[in-house]
Protein backbone atom coordinates (compact mmCIF):
# COMPACT_ATOMS: atom_id res chain seq x y z
CA MET A 1 -125.86 -14.01 27.09
CA ASP A 2 -123.23 -16.11 25.36
CA PHE A 3 -123.81 -19.78 26.12
CA TYR A 4 -120.03 -20.43 26.64
CA LYS A 5 -119.95 -18.03 29.40
CA TYR A 6 -122.98 -19.41 30.96
CA LEU A 7 -121.77 -22.94 30.88
CA LYS A 8 -118.46 -22.14 32.37
CA GLN A 9 -119.95 -19.92 35.10
CA CYS A 10 -122.52 -22.67 36.07
CA ARG A 11 -119.89 -25.40 36.13
CA GLU A 12 -117.50 -23.28 38.33
CA ASN A 13 -120.22 -22.23 40.51
CA ALA A 14 -120.94 -25.90 41.24
CA HIS A 15 -117.20 -26.64 41.77
CA THR A 16 -117.40 -29.29 39.19
CA THR A 17 -114.48 -30.24 36.78
CA GLN A 18 -114.95 -30.71 32.99
CA GLU A 19 -114.63 -34.43 33.47
CA GLU A 20 -117.28 -34.46 36.21
CA LEU A 21 -119.70 -32.47 34.19
CA VAL A 22 -119.33 -34.78 31.17
CA SER A 23 -120.19 -37.80 33.37
CA GLU A 24 -123.15 -36.05 34.97
CA LEU A 25 -124.63 -34.83 31.68
CA TYR A 26 -124.34 -38.41 30.36
CA ASN A 27 -126.21 -39.74 33.35
CA HIS A 28 -128.77 -36.97 33.03
CA ASP A 29 -129.49 -37.46 29.27
CA LYS A 30 -127.73 -40.41 27.61
CA GLU A 31 -129.54 -39.75 24.39
CA ASN A 32 -128.12 -36.24 23.90
CA PHE A 33 -124.72 -36.71 25.48
CA GLU A 34 -123.76 -40.27 24.66
CA ASN A 35 -120.78 -39.09 22.66
CA LEU A 36 -119.81 -36.11 24.83
CA ASP A 37 -116.22 -35.86 25.89
CA THR A 38 -114.00 -33.25 27.58
CA VAL A 39 -112.71 -32.11 24.25
CA THR A 40 -116.18 -31.19 23.12
CA LEU A 41 -117.09 -29.56 26.39
CA SER A 42 -113.85 -27.58 26.30
CA ARG A 43 -114.66 -26.30 22.90
CA TRP A 44 -118.14 -25.27 24.10
CA GLU A 45 -116.62 -23.30 26.96
CA ARG A 46 -114.05 -21.65 24.59
CA ASN A 47 -116.84 -20.77 22.16
CA THR A 48 -115.18 -22.79 19.45
CA THR A 49 -118.35 -24.76 18.79
CA LYS A 50 -121.81 -24.61 20.25
CA PRO A 51 -124.35 -27.44 21.05
CA ASN A 52 -127.69 -27.59 19.19
CA THR A 53 -130.87 -26.29 20.81
CA LEU A 54 -131.95 -29.69 22.23
CA LYS A 55 -128.66 -30.06 24.02
CA LEU A 56 -128.83 -26.48 25.21
CA LEU A 57 -132.32 -27.16 26.68
CA SER A 58 -131.15 -30.43 28.37
CA ILE A 59 -128.02 -28.58 29.87
CA LEU A 60 -130.29 -25.95 31.31
CA LYS A 61 -132.65 -28.67 32.84
CA TYR A 62 -129.56 -30.38 34.31
CA PHE A 63 -128.46 -27.26 36.07
CA GLN A 64 -132.07 -26.55 37.17
CA LYS A 65 -132.17 -30.02 38.81
CA SER A 66 -128.73 -29.65 40.42
CA THR A 67 -129.25 -26.20 41.77
CA HIS A 68 -133.08 -26.19 42.22
CA GLU A 69 -133.32 -22.86 40.47
CA ALA A 70 -135.50 -21.86 37.67
CA LEU A 71 -132.64 -20.31 35.69
CA PRO A 72 -129.39 -21.06 37.36
CA CYS A 73 -126.66 -18.33 37.24
CA TRP A 74 -129.08 -15.61 36.34
CA ASP A 75 -130.61 -15.02 39.77
CA HIS A 76 -128.29 -11.95 40.64
CA TYR A 77 -129.38 -9.73 37.59
CA SER A 78 -132.00 -7.08 37.77
CA THR A 79 -134.88 -6.95 35.29
CA GLU A 80 -133.10 -4.31 33.19
CA GLU A 81 -129.84 -6.29 33.11
CA VAL A 82 -131.65 -9.50 32.09
CA GLU A 83 -133.49 -7.62 29.36
CA ASN A 84 -130.19 -6.43 27.90
CA LEU A 85 -128.80 -10.02 28.08
CA ILE A 86 -131.72 -11.60 26.06
CA CYS A 87 -132.91 -11.14 22.61
CA THR A 88 -136.17 -11.41 20.77
CA VAL A 89 -135.37 -14.66 18.87
CA GLY A 90 -137.94 -17.33 19.68
CA MET A 91 -140.65 -14.80 20.82
CA ASN A 92 -142.62 -14.75 17.62
CA ASN A 93 -143.12 -18.55 17.88
CA ILE A 94 -144.75 -17.90 21.27
CA LEU A 95 -147.12 -15.26 20.08
CA SER A 96 -150.21 -16.43 18.07
CA ARG A 97 -151.74 -14.63 15.24
CA SER A 98 -154.65 -12.96 17.12
CA LYS A 99 -157.13 -10.32 15.94
CA GLN A 100 -158.25 -9.55 19.50
CA LEU A 101 -154.98 -9.45 21.44
CA ILE A 102 -152.41 -8.58 18.82
CA LEU A 103 -153.57 -6.35 15.90
CA ASN A 104 -151.93 -5.98 12.48
CA PHE A 105 -150.78 -2.45 12.61
CA PRO A 106 -147.85 -2.00 10.23
CA SER A 107 -144.51 -2.48 11.98
CA GLU A 108 -142.01 -1.91 9.25
CA MET A 109 -141.61 1.76 10.22
CA MET A 110 -141.07 0.88 13.79
CA GLN A 111 -137.44 0.34 15.04
CA LEU A 112 -137.00 -1.65 18.16
CA ASP A 113 -135.01 1.00 19.90
CA GLU A 114 -138.03 3.42 19.28
CA LEU A 115 -140.25 0.99 21.38
CA LYS A 116 -139.96 1.83 25.04
CA VAL A 117 -141.50 -0.48 27.70
CA TYR A 118 -142.12 1.05 31.15
CA PRO A 119 -143.72 -0.09 34.39
CA ILE A 120 -147.04 1.87 34.70
CA ARG A 121 -145.99 3.47 38.10
CA ASP A 122 -143.29 5.34 36.12
CA ILE A 123 -145.71 6.88 33.68
CA GLN A 124 -147.32 10.30 34.31
CA LYS A 125 -150.39 9.66 32.16
CA ALA A 126 -151.25 6.47 34.10
CA HIS A 127 -154.96 7.17 34.32
CA ALA A 128 -155.46 7.32 30.56
CA LEU A 129 -153.75 3.89 30.34
CA PHE A 130 -156.00 2.50 33.03
CA GLU A 131 -159.02 3.54 31.11
CA LEU A 132 -157.59 1.94 27.87
CA ASN A 133 -156.79 -1.25 29.63
CA MET A 134 -160.26 -1.18 31.27
CA ASP A 135 -161.94 -0.84 27.93
CA LEU A 136 -159.82 -3.61 26.24
CA HIS A 137 -160.07 -5.97 29.13
CA ASN A 138 -163.79 -5.84 29.41
CA ALA A 139 -164.33 -5.89 25.68
CA THR A 140 -162.49 -9.24 25.48
CA ASN A 141 -163.49 -10.91 28.72
CA HIS A 142 -166.69 -12.57 29.81
CA LEU A 143 -168.71 -10.81 32.64
CA TYR A 144 -167.38 -13.45 34.99
CA SER A 145 -163.85 -12.14 34.56
CA GLN A 146 -164.31 -8.31 34.27
CA LEU A 147 -162.74 -5.84 36.74
CA LYS A 148 -163.27 -2.27 37.81
CA ILE A 149 -160.88 0.62 36.92
CA GLU A 150 -160.32 1.28 40.62
CA GLN A 151 -158.93 -2.27 40.92
CA PHE A 152 -156.50 -1.87 38.05
CA GLU A 153 -155.38 1.46 39.52
CA ALA A 154 -154.72 0.02 42.96
CA TRP A 155 -153.24 -3.21 41.77
CA ALA A 156 -150.81 -1.76 39.32
CA MET A 157 -149.08 0.27 42.00
CA HIS A 158 -148.37 -2.73 44.24
CA PRO A 159 -144.55 -3.51 44.12
CA ALA A 160 -145.04 -7.16 43.58
CA ASN A 161 -147.34 -6.70 40.42
CA LEU A 162 -146.21 -6.00 36.85
CA PHE A 163 -148.09 -3.59 34.72
CA LEU A 164 -146.18 -2.68 31.55
CA ALA A 165 -146.89 -0.23 28.91
CA CYS A 166 -145.18 0.08 25.52
CA GLU A 167 -144.72 3.58 24.04
CA TYR A 168 -143.86 4.46 20.46
CA LYS A 169 -143.24 8.18 19.69
CA GLU A 170 -145.13 9.37 22.79
CA GLY A 171 -148.12 7.08 22.08
CA PHE A 172 -149.05 4.02 23.80
CA VAL A 173 -149.20 0.81 21.63
CA GLY A 174 -149.21 -2.10 24.03
CA LEU A 175 -150.07 -3.30 27.59
CA PHE A 176 -149.20 -6.24 29.75
CA PHE A 177 -150.53 -6.82 33.40
CA SER A 178 -149.88 -9.58 35.81
CA VAL A 179 -150.28 -9.79 39.63
CA ARG A 180 -148.29 -11.90 42.06
CA VAL A 181 -150.63 -13.49 44.68
CA ARG A 182 -149.99 -15.63 47.63
CA GLN A 183 -150.12 -19.29 46.79
CA GLU A 184 -153.52 -20.11 48.48
CA VAL A 185 -155.06 -17.30 46.46
CA PHE A 186 -153.60 -18.57 43.34
CA GLU A 187 -155.03 -22.04 44.12
CA LYS A 188 -158.58 -20.51 44.53
CA LEU A 189 -158.34 -18.65 41.30
CA LEU A 190 -157.24 -21.54 39.32
CA ASN A 191 -159.90 -23.76 40.90
CA PHE A 192 -162.67 -21.21 40.25
CA GLU A 193 -163.30 -20.77 43.93
CA MET A 194 -162.53 -17.08 43.61
CA ARG A 195 -163.11 -14.41 40.88
CA LYS A 196 -160.50 -12.00 39.70
CA SER A 197 -162.84 -9.22 40.98
CA GLU A 198 -162.67 -10.65 44.50
CA ILE A 199 -158.88 -10.11 44.79
CA THR A 200 -158.01 -7.66 47.49
CA GLU A 201 -154.61 -6.08 48.31
CA ALA A 202 -154.20 -8.42 51.15
CA ASP A 203 -154.11 -11.19 48.59
CA PHE A 204 -150.89 -9.98 46.97
CA ALA A 205 -147.58 -11.44 47.89
CA ALA A 206 -145.14 -9.00 49.46
CA TYR A 207 -142.30 -7.79 47.19
CA ASP A 208 -139.80 -10.25 48.73
CA GLU A 209 -142.44 -12.98 49.48
CA VAL A 210 -142.82 -16.16 47.41
CA GLY A 211 -146.01 -16.25 45.42
CA SER A 212 -147.43 -17.16 41.88
CA ASN A 213 -148.11 -14.90 39.03
CA PHE A 214 -151.58 -14.61 37.56
CA LEU A 215 -151.91 -13.08 34.14
CA LEU A 216 -154.59 -10.44 33.55
CA SER A 217 -154.08 -8.46 30.34
CA PHE A 218 -152.09 -8.49 27.22
CA TYR A 219 -152.72 -6.19 24.16
CA ALA A 220 -150.48 -4.93 21.33
CA ILE A 221 -150.96 -3.40 18.03
CA ASN A 222 -148.60 -5.55 16.21
CA HIS A 223 -146.15 -8.52 16.80
CA LYS A 224 -143.15 -6.22 17.22
CA VAL A 225 -144.87 -4.51 20.14
CA ALA A 226 -146.09 -7.78 21.59
CA THR A 227 -142.47 -9.12 21.39
CA MET A 228 -141.12 -6.28 23.34
CA LEU A 229 -143.72 -6.72 26.08
CA LEU A 230 -143.13 -10.46 26.19
CA VAL A 231 -139.36 -10.04 26.42
CA ARG A 232 -139.79 -7.65 29.38
CA HIS A 233 -142.11 -10.11 30.95
CA TYR A 234 -139.65 -12.90 30.76
CA ALA A 235 -136.85 -10.62 32.01
CA TYR A 236 -139.04 -9.96 35.03
CA LEU A 237 -139.72 -13.64 35.63
CA ILE A 238 -136.05 -14.44 35.47
CA ALA A 239 -134.91 -11.61 37.65
CA ASN A 240 -137.60 -12.46 40.25
CA GLN A 241 -137.36 -16.17 40.03
CA LYS A 242 -136.73 -16.69 43.69
CA GLN A 243 -140.10 -15.12 44.52
CA ILE A 244 -142.15 -16.99 41.77
CA LEU A 245 -143.42 -20.43 42.16
CA GLU A 246 -145.98 -20.73 39.28
CA ILE A 247 -147.51 -18.86 36.37
CA GLY A 248 -151.34 -19.15 35.65
CA VAL A 249 -154.28 -17.68 33.82
CA THR A 250 -157.99 -18.18 33.37
CA THR A 251 -159.46 -17.30 29.97
CA SER A 252 -162.20 -18.07 27.47
CA LEU A 253 -160.28 -16.68 24.50
CA THR A 254 -158.83 -19.03 21.97
CA GLU A 255 -155.94 -16.72 21.29
CA VAL A 256 -154.80 -16.55 25.01
CA LYS A 257 -154.95 -20.33 25.21
CA LYS A 258 -152.57 -20.66 22.32
CA ILE A 259 -150.19 -18.15 23.72
CA VAL A 260 -150.00 -19.65 27.21
CA SER A 261 -149.74 -23.13 25.70
CA ASN A 262 -146.68 -21.91 23.75
CA MET A 263 -145.36 -20.46 26.99
CA ASN A 264 -145.41 -24.09 28.34
CA MET A 265 -148.35 -23.60 30.54
CA HIS A 266 -150.78 -26.58 30.53
CA PHE A 267 -154.42 -26.99 30.77
CA TYR A 268 -155.56 -27.47 34.34
CA LYS A 269 -159.38 -27.44 34.56
CA SER A 270 -162.38 -25.63 33.12
CA LYS A 271 -165.66 -24.12 34.15
CA LYS A 272 -168.89 -23.81 32.13
CA LEU A 273 -170.19 -20.24 32.21
CA GLU A 274 -173.05 -20.69 29.67
CA LYS A 275 -174.01 -22.69 26.73
CA HIS A 276 -171.23 -21.60 24.32
CA THR A 277 -168.72 -20.22 26.69
CA GLU A 278 -166.20 -22.07 28.78
CA LEU A 279 -163.53 -20.64 31.10
CA GLU A 280 -160.29 -22.56 31.10
CA ALA A 281 -157.41 -22.43 33.69
CA TYR A 282 -153.65 -22.95 32.70
CA ARG A 283 -150.76 -23.17 34.92
CA GLU A 284 -147.19 -24.38 35.14
CA ASN A 285 -144.21 -24.01 37.54
CA LEU A 286 -141.58 -21.44 36.69
CA HIS A 287 -138.98 -24.08 36.10
CA LYS A 288 -140.86 -25.52 33.28
CA VAL A 289 -141.94 -22.20 31.87
CA LEU A 290 -138.37 -21.26 31.46
CA ALA A 291 -137.11 -24.66 30.20
CA THR A 292 -138.43 -24.46 26.59
CA GLU A 293 -136.69 -24.33 23.24
CA TYR A 294 -138.21 -20.83 22.77
CA VAL A 295 -136.54 -19.51 25.97
CA VAL A 296 -133.26 -21.15 25.24
CA LYS A 297 -133.13 -19.49 21.89
CA MET A 298 -134.07 -16.11 23.68
CA ILE A 299 -131.37 -16.35 26.38
CA PHE A 300 -128.57 -17.99 24.36
CA SER A 301 -128.88 -16.33 20.86
CA GLU A 302 -126.32 -13.69 19.94
């Protein structure tokens, strides 16, 4: 989305004049808006000039605070509409160089419009993908965190959960899976009072119920595929922001820890599994996950 359209829309939705917004931004962040005036703000709204990334981020945080929304003025878009409004800029900075989660299959021949990302429930050959996800998940997770294929199959069909597959020329090249659970279940998972394998269908939030997203699987054959999956994930978070409180994950993989840290999730606590293995929990509320320079570049770059 063009920033100038977003700025004007948010200001008008708040029934705020340009003069009032200049004053409020100054009070919100004197360091970034010390020299702001209505002339500059008017230029931003007319797309004559554009603020730098730090100012963009601060403006987003201001509207978050004033509206109590994770991404103000985006709450009426569907996942598909959000995906069409955002771009891949900033995503490569989130993705770490991982040999376990993101492979190095050549991507030069792949065009972005040839990579199709679908919810698993829309794919006819879903069982084969469940088997692939099962193999990848259990190969990269400690026994403490492993699941059964029947659990993947049942969970993936729940309307609140997000199981994505990326397809390239009728072949599957990437997977992403997260579940939305009720907040008390989320707390148990992050506090190691409950294993992933102990989740039941009753623990999932209803489609229109507020809950928190717990990440389970993420695999891609290269960074281009990983980027497409991550963009779709962020589009889902933005489109469903009213139903999502927090994002969390438990992992023992260094690669996952780096990716979730780049997503602005922070270390919460750890559990010793054995001498050389430690399971760590990361979490953050959705407001802060979306209020990063990477996301600002993604939603406001042309």
